[in-house]
Amino acid sequence: MKENVQRNDKEDIDFINLKQYFSIQEVSSRLDLSPSLLRYWEGEFPMLQPRKNRKGNRMYTRKDMDLLAQIKYLLKERKFTIKGALAHLTANGSQIPTTISLKERLMQIKEGLLELKKTLDQETP
């Protein structure tokens, strides 16, 4: 049964990698930000303009998610003001994503290793 769970998790990860558009709820949970903050940042950062579907729901692309991760990094980690982050993004383009994506990948690896350890601890008498 554990093999099924692990296989389903892998299939979910593969599905996420194939997905082109993400809802505001998916983006907020992946980036650990509130949906209202995402909507606020849309007004503050003109380069952030997710598409809207027929119902008017925001649909974020991977590029949008990378930009949001950059904004989060500048505002939360580097303690930039919104005006400063906007100036930095405008002047420097996208120099941060490789650092952020590497950090996110390392966090995913850490979570996987912790899950593996937990599984091994349960199986060991």
C-alpha atoms as a PDB file:
ATOM      1  CA  MET A   1       0.000   0.000   0.000  1.00  0.00           C
ATOM      2  CA  LYS A   2       2.877   2.363   0.769  1.00  0.00           C
ATOM      3  CA  GLU A   3       4.181   1.776  -2.755  1.00  0.00           C
ATOM      4  CA  ASN A   4       0.814   2.956  -4.119  1.00  0.00           C
ATOM      5  CA  VAL A   5       0.996   6.144  -2.049  1.00  0.00           C
ATOM      6  CA  GLN A   6       4.529   6.836  -3.215  1.00  0.00           C
ATOM      7  CA  ARG A   7       3.592   6.137  -6.835  1.00  0.00           C
ATOM      8  CA  ASN A   8       0.595   8.509  -6.562  1.00  0.00           C
ATOM      9  CA  ASP A   9       2.823  11.222  -5.067  1.00  0.00           C
ATOM     10  CA  LYS A  10       5.218  10.812  -7.988  1.00  0.00           C
ATOM     11  CA  GLU A  11       2.326  10.982 -10.453  1.00  0.00           C
ATOM     12  CA  ASP A  12       1.098  14.166  -8.734  1.00  0.00           C
ATOM     13  CA  ILE A  13       4.555  15.711  -9.071  1.00  0.00           C
ATOM     14  CA  ASP A  14       4.690  14.723 -12.753  1.00  0.00           C
ATOM     15  CA  PHE A  15       1.209  16.205 -13.259  1.00  0.00           C
ATOM     16  CA  ILE A  16       2.286  19.470 -11.617  1.00  0.00           C
ATOM     17  CA  ASN A  17       5.335  19.615 -13.884  1.00  0.00           C
ATOM     18  CA  LEU A  18       3.075  19.257 -16.947  1.00  0.00           C
ATOM     19  CA  LYS A  19       0.559  21.849 -15.824  1.00  0.00           C
ATOM     20  CA  GLN A  20       0.673  25.219 -17.615  1.00  0.00           C
ATOM     21  CA  TYR A  21      -1.715  27.290 -15.520  1.00  0.00           C
ATOM     22  CA  PHE A  22      -2.287  27.431 -11.774  1.00  0.00           C
ATOM     23  CA  SER A  23      -5.179  28.902  -9.794  1.00  0.00           C
ATOM     24  CA  ILE A  24      -4.596  31.590  -7.205  1.00  0.00           C
ATOM     25  CA  GLN A  25      -5.210  28.999  -4.474  1.00  0.00           C
ATOM     26  CA  GLU A  26      -2.547  26.667  -5.869  1.00  0.00           C
ATOM     27  CA  VAL A  27      -0.030  29.491  -6.186  1.00  0.00           C
ATOM     28  CA  SER A  28      -0.761  30.814  -2.701  1.00  0.00           C
ATOM     29  CA  SER A  29      -0.283  27.385  -1.139  1.00  0.00           C
ATOM     30  CA  ARG A  30       2.913  26.635  -3.095  1.00  0.00           C
ATOM     31  CA  LEU A  31       4.482  30.004  -2.238  1.00  0.00           C
ATOM     32  CA  ASP A  32       2.985  30.171   1.259  1.00  0.00           C
ATOM     33  CA  LEU A  33       1.318  33.532   0.602  1.00  0.00           C
ATOM     34  CA  SER A  34      -2.280  34.595   1.041  1.00  0.00           C
ATOM     35  CA  PRO A  35      -4.452  35.049  -2.067  1.00  0.00           C
ATOM     36  CA  SER A  36      -5.231  38.619  -1.005  1.00  0.00           C
ATOM     37  CA  LEU A  37      -1.502  39.417  -0.931  1.00  0.00           C
ATOM     38  CA  LEU A  38      -1.126  38.024  -4.452  1.00  0.00           C
ATOM     39  CA  ARG A  39      -3.988  40.225  -5.649  1.00  0.00           C
ATOM     40  CA  TYR A  40      -2.414  43.237  -3.893  1.00  0.00           C
ATOM     41  CA  TRP A  41       0.958  42.608  -5.540  1.00  0.00           C
ATOM     42  CA  GLU A  42      -0.763  42.572  -8.953  1.00  0.00           C
ATOM     43  CA  GLY A  43      -1.620  46.223  -8.424  1.00  0.00           C
ATOM     44  CA  GLU A  44       1.843  47.136  -7.170  1.00  0.00           C
ATOM     45  CA  PHE A  45       3.946  45.296  -9.756  1.00  0.00           C
ATOM     46  CA  PRO A  46       2.791  46.045 -13.324  1.00  0.00           C
ATOM     47  CA  MET A  47       4.837  43.181 -14.779  1.00  0.00           C
ATOM     48  CA  LEU A  48       2.679  40.727 -12.830  1.00  0.00           C
ATOM     49  CA  GLN A  49      -0.466  40.236 -14.883  1.00  0.00           C
ATOM     50  CA  PRO A  50      -1.878  36.721 -14.699  1.00  0.00           C
ATOM     51  CA  ARG A  51      -4.427  35.734 -17.312  1.00  0.00           C
ATOM     52  CA  LYS A  52      -8.062  35.486 -16.352  1.00  0.00           C
ATOM     53  CA  ASN A  53     -10.382  32.771 -17.573  1.00  0.00           C
ATOM     54  CA  ARG A  54     -13.976  33.317 -18.714  1.00  0.00           C
ATOM     55  CA  LYS A  55     -15.181  33.367 -15.126  1.00  0.00           C
ATOM     56  CA  GLY A  56     -12.595  36.012 -14.225  1.00  0.00           C
ATOM     57  CA  ASN A  57     -10.441  33.657 -12.123  1.00  0.00           C
ATOM     58  CA  ARG A  58      -6.726  34.350 -12.199  1.00  0.00           C
ATOM     59  CA  MET A  59      -4.611  31.745 -13.954  1.00  0.00           C
ATOM     60  CA  TYR A  60      -0.892  31.979 -13.187  1.00  0.00           C
ATOM     61  CA  THR A  61       1.845  30.605 -15.436  1.00  0.00           C
ATOM     62  CA  ARG A  62       5.225  29.298 -14.273  1.00  0.00           C
ATOM     63  CA  LYS A  63       6.708  32.651 -15.316  1.00  0.00           C
ATOM     64  CA  ASP A  64       4.206  34.415 -13.040  1.00  0.00           C
ATOM     65  CA  MET A  65       5.104  32.045 -10.205  1.00  0.00           C
ATOM     66  CA  ASP A  66       8.827  32.730 -10.711  1.00  0.00           C
ATOM     67  CA  LEU A  67       8.146  36.453 -10.611  1.00  0.00           C
ATOM     68  CA  LEU A  68       6.088  36.055  -7.429  1.00  0.00           C
ATOM     69  CA  ALA A  69       8.904  34.033  -5.879  1.00  0.00           C
ATOM     70  CA  GLN A  70      11.325  36.853  -6.742  1.00  0.00           C
ATOM     71  CA  ILE A  71       8.995  39.443  -5.242  1.00  0.00           C
ATOM     72  CA  LYS A  72       8.573  37.351  -2.103  1.00  0.00           C
ATOM     73  CA  TYR A  73      12.347  36.939  -1.828  1.00  0.00           C
ATOM     74  CA  LEU A  74      12.974  40.669  -2.186  1.00  0.00           C
ATOM     75  CA  LEU A  75      10.218  41.743   0.194  1.00  0.00           C
ATOM     76  CA  LYS A  76      10.382  39.026   2.856  1.00  0.00           C
ATOM     77  CA  GLU A  77      14.028  37.877   2.846  1.00  0.00           C
ATOM     78  CA  ARG A  78      15.938  40.933   1.676  1.00  0.00           C
ATOM     79  CA  LYS A  79      13.499  43.364   3.406  1.00  0.00           C
ATOM     80  CA  PHE A  80      13.057  45.612   0.354  1.00  0.00           C
ATOM     81  CA  THR A  81      10.180  48.046   0.268  1.00  0.00           C
ATOM     82  CA  ILE A  82       7.643  47.563  -2.520  1.00  0.00           C
ATOM     83  CA  LYS A  83       9.042  50.588  -4.305  1.00  0.00           C
ATOM     84  CA  GLY A  84      12.595  49.281  -3.908  1.00  0.00           C
ATOM     85  CA  ALA A  85      11.648  45.789  -5.097  1.00  0.00           C
ATOM     86  CA  LEU A  86       9.891  47.265  -8.129  1.00  0.00           C
ATOM     87  CA  ALA A  87      12.972  49.350  -8.964  1.00  0.00           C
ATOM     88  CA  HIS A  88      15.239  46.327  -8.497  1.00  0.00           C
ATOM     89  CA  LEU A  89      13.100  44.093 -10.719  1.00  0.00           C
ATOM     90  CA  THR A  90      12.822  46.776 -13.381  1.00  0.00           C
ATOM     91  CA  ALA A  91      16.571  47.504 -13.393  1.00  0.00           C
ATOM     92  CA  ASN A  92      17.937  43.977 -13.002  1.00  0.00           C
ATOM     93  CA  GLY A  93      15.352  41.867 -14.755  1.00  0.00           C
ATOM     94  CA  SER A  94      15.362  38.306 -13.456  1.00  0.00           C
ATOM     95  CA  GLN A  95      18.657  37.561 -11.756  1.00  0.00           C
ATOM     96  CA  ILE A  96      17.171  35.857  -8.695  1.00  0.00           C
ATOM     97  CA  PRO A  97      15.210  32.843 -10.060  1.00  0.00           C
ATOM     98  CA  THR A  98      18.119  30.404 -10.193  1.00  0.00           C
ATOM     99  CA  THR A  99      18.808  30.990  -6.509  1.00  0.00           C
ATOM    100  CA  ILE A 100      15.144  30.652  -5.625  1.00  0.00           C
ATOM    101  CA  SER A 101      14.537  27.563  -7.731  1.00  0.00           C
ATOM    102  CA  LEU A 102      17.653  25.941  -6.264  1.00  0.00           C
ATOM    103  CA  LYS A 103      16.418  26.730  -2.760  1.00  0.00           C
ATOM    104  CA  GLU A 104      12.969  25.316  -3.562  1.00  0.00           C
ATOM    105  CA  ARG A 105      14.517  22.171  -5.057  1.00  0.00           C
ATOM    106  CA  LEU A 106      16.673  21.648  -1.962  1.00  0.00           C
ATOM    107  CA  MET A 107      13.584  22.033   0.228  1.00  0.00           C
ATOM    108  CA  GLN A 108      11.783  19.396  -1.853  1.00  0.00           C
ATOM    109  CA  ILE A 109      14.755  17.048  -1.501  1.00  0.00           C
ATOM    110  CA  LYS A 110      14.815  17.652   2.253  1.00  0.00           C
ATOM    111  CA  GLU A 111      11.095  16.872   2.537  1.00  0.00           C
ATOM    112  CA  GLY A 112      11.575  13.698   0.497  1.00  0.00           C
ATOM    113  CA  LEU A 113      14.463  12.572   2.684  1.00  0.00           C
ATOM    114  CA  LEU A 114      12.502  13.244   5.866  1.00  0.00           C
ATOM    115  CA  GLU A 115       9.574  11.257   4.489  1.00  0.00           C
ATOM    116  CA  LEU A 116      11.925   8.406   3.553  1.00  0.00           C
ATOM    117  CA  LYS A 117      13.429   8.459   7.061  1.00  0.00           C
ATOM    118  CA  LYS A 118       9.963   8.334   8.596  1.00  0.00           C
ATOM    119  CA  THR A 119       9.033   5.372   6.395  1.00  0.00           C
ATOM    120  CA  LEU A 120      12.235   3.533   7.283  1.00  0.00           C
ATOM    121  CA  ASP A 121      11.723   4.224  10.994  1.00  0.00           C
ATOM    122  CA  GLN A 122       8.227   2.718  10.814  1.00  0.00           C
ATOM    123  CA  GLU A 123       9.460  -0.415   9.025  1.00  0.00           C
ATOM    124  CA  THR A 124      12.413  -1.011  11.362  1.00  0.00           C
ATOM    125  CA  PRO A 125      11.508  -3.000  14.501  1.00  0.00           C
END
